[in-house]
Protein backbone atom coordinates (compact mmCIF):
# COMPACT_ATOMS: atom_id res chain seq x y z
CA MET A 1 8.43 -19.98 30.30
CA SER A 2 6.74 -22.39 32.65
CA LYS A 3 4.36 -25.07 31.46
CA LYS A 4 0.63 -24.50 31.60
CA ILE A 5 -2.39 -26.74 31.79
CA LYS A 6 -5.26 -25.50 29.67
CA PHE A 7 -8.88 -26.69 29.73
CA ASP A 8 -12.41 -25.42 29.26
CA TYR A 9 -15.09 -25.72 31.90
CA ASN A 10 -18.57 -24.27 32.03
CA GLY A 11 -17.92 -21.80 29.21
CA ASN A 12 -14.60 -20.56 30.61
CA THR A 13 -11.04 -21.31 29.52
CA TYR A 14 -8.58 -21.94 32.33
CA ASN A 15 -4.79 -21.71 32.17
CA LEU A 16 -3.12 -23.23 35.21
CA THR A 17 0.48 -22.46 36.06
CA TYR A 18 2.79 -21.56 38.92
CA THR A 19 5.00 -18.55 39.46
CA ARG A 20 7.44 -17.80 42.23
CA ARG A 21 4.87 -15.47 43.73
CA THR A 22 2.05 -18.05 43.64
CA ILE A 23 4.26 -20.70 45.23
CA GLU A 24 5.20 -18.22 47.94
CA LYS A 25 1.48 -17.61 48.55
CA MET A 26 0.88 -21.37 48.75
CA GLU A 27 3.71 -21.72 51.28
CA ASP A 28 2.33 -18.79 53.29
CA GLU A 29 -0.96 -20.71 53.45
CA GLY A 30 0.88 -23.74 54.85
CA PHE A 31 1.43 -25.77 51.67
CA ASP A 32 4.30 -28.25 51.91
CA ILE A 33 5.01 -30.35 48.81
CA THR A 34 6.96 -32.87 50.90
CA ALA A 35 3.71 -33.76 52.70
CA ALA A 36 2.26 -35.27 49.51
CA GLN A 37 3.39 -38.75 50.58
CA THR A 38 2.13 -38.55 54.16
CA LYS A 39 -0.90 -36.25 53.75
CA PRO A 40 -2.14 -36.67 50.18
CA MET A 41 -5.80 -35.91 51.00
CA SER A 42 -4.95 -32.35 51.98
CA THR A 43 -1.81 -31.75 49.93
CA LEU A 44 -2.85 -32.82 46.42
CA PRO A 45 -6.00 -30.67 46.22
CA LYS A 46 -3.94 -27.69 47.45
CA LEU A 47 -1.40 -28.34 44.69
CA PHE A 48 -4.27 -28.14 42.19
CA LYS A 49 -5.77 -25.04 43.82
CA GLY A 50 -2.44 -23.23 43.81
CA ALA A 51 -2.17 -23.60 40.03
CA PHE A 52 -5.18 -21.26 39.70
CA TYR A 53 -3.57 -18.38 41.61
CA ALA A 54 -1.55 -16.91 38.73
CA ASN A 55 -4.34 -16.52 36.16
CA HIS A 56 -7.56 -17.08 38.11
CA PRO A 57 -7.02 -15.64 41.61
CA ASN A 58 -10.69 -14.94 42.29
CA ILE A 59 -12.14 -18.36 41.53
CA GLU A 60 -14.09 -19.79 44.44
CA ASP A 61 -12.86 -22.89 46.26
CA ASN A 62 -16.09 -24.79 45.57
CA VAL A 63 -15.62 -24.27 41.81
CA ILE A 64 -12.02 -25.52 42.04
CA ASP A 65 -13.26 -28.56 43.98
CA GLU A 66 -15.94 -29.20 41.35
CA ILE A 67 -13.41 -28.92 38.51
CA TYR A 68 -10.97 -31.24 40.30
CA GLY A 69 -13.75 -33.79 40.78
CA LEU A 70 -14.45 -33.80 37.04
CA MET A 71 -10.82 -34.00 35.86
CA LYS A 72 -9.85 -37.22 34.09
CA ASP A 73 -6.51 -38.96 34.70
CA LYS A 74 -5.94 -37.38 38.11
CA GLN A 75 -2.74 -39.35 38.61
CA GLY A 76 -1.30 -37.88 35.40
CA LEU A 77 -2.63 -34.45 36.33
CA ILE A 78 -0.91 -34.53 39.71
CA GLN A 79 2.35 -35.69 38.11
CA VAL A 80 2.26 -32.78 35.65
CA LEU A 81 1.37 -30.29 38.41
CA ALA A 82 4.21 -31.57 40.61
CA GLY A 83 6.62 -31.21 37.68
CA MET A 84 5.40 -27.67 36.99
CA TYR A 85 5.77 -26.81 40.68
CA ASN A 86 9.32 -28.19 40.80
CA ASP A 87 10.28 -26.43 37.55
CA THR A 88 9.21 -23.13 39.11
CA LEU A 89 11.26 -23.85 42.25
CA LYS A 90 14.32 -24.50 40.09
CA THR A 91 14.13 -20.95 38.74
CA LEU A 92 15.41 -19.75 42.12
CA LEU A 93 18.79 -21.27 41.24
CA ASP A 94 18.94 -20.28 37.57
CA GLU A 95 22.07 -18.40 36.66
CA PRO A 96 21.42 -14.92 35.26
CA THR A 97 22.36 -14.33 31.66
CA ASP A 98 22.73 -10.56 31.86
CA GLU A 99 26.21 -9.07 31.36
CA LYS A 100 25.70 -7.04 34.54
CA ASN A 101 25.77 -10.16 36.72
CA ILE A 102 27.11 -9.67 40.21
CA LEU A 103 30.16 -11.73 41.06
CA TRP A 104 30.78 -12.48 44.70
CA THR A 105 33.69 -13.75 46.76
CA THR A 106 34.35 -14.73 50.35
CA SER A 107 36.75 -13.03 52.72
CA VAL A 108 38.38 -14.00 55.97
């Protein structure tokens, strides 16, 4: 189970998380986590916005921007979001635990 960030804002409870599908959507929209160092002004808000996709897909961008503006400890928030994002990416390489796993070999 991936980590979640939970908070209340304006009478609503929000649960932010990432899934493989939401990260794929972010990438389809041009998100590139490696750009965080060179383009933080555009990358970091998109990292925050993408965390809404799984549980709050219909929230408007201006509300996300407003929430981000009110968040305390943004540096800590971004660190947690980046960790959650990376944890979700790692699931692509997780080994299956099912007994019906497919074994593969190479041939010449």
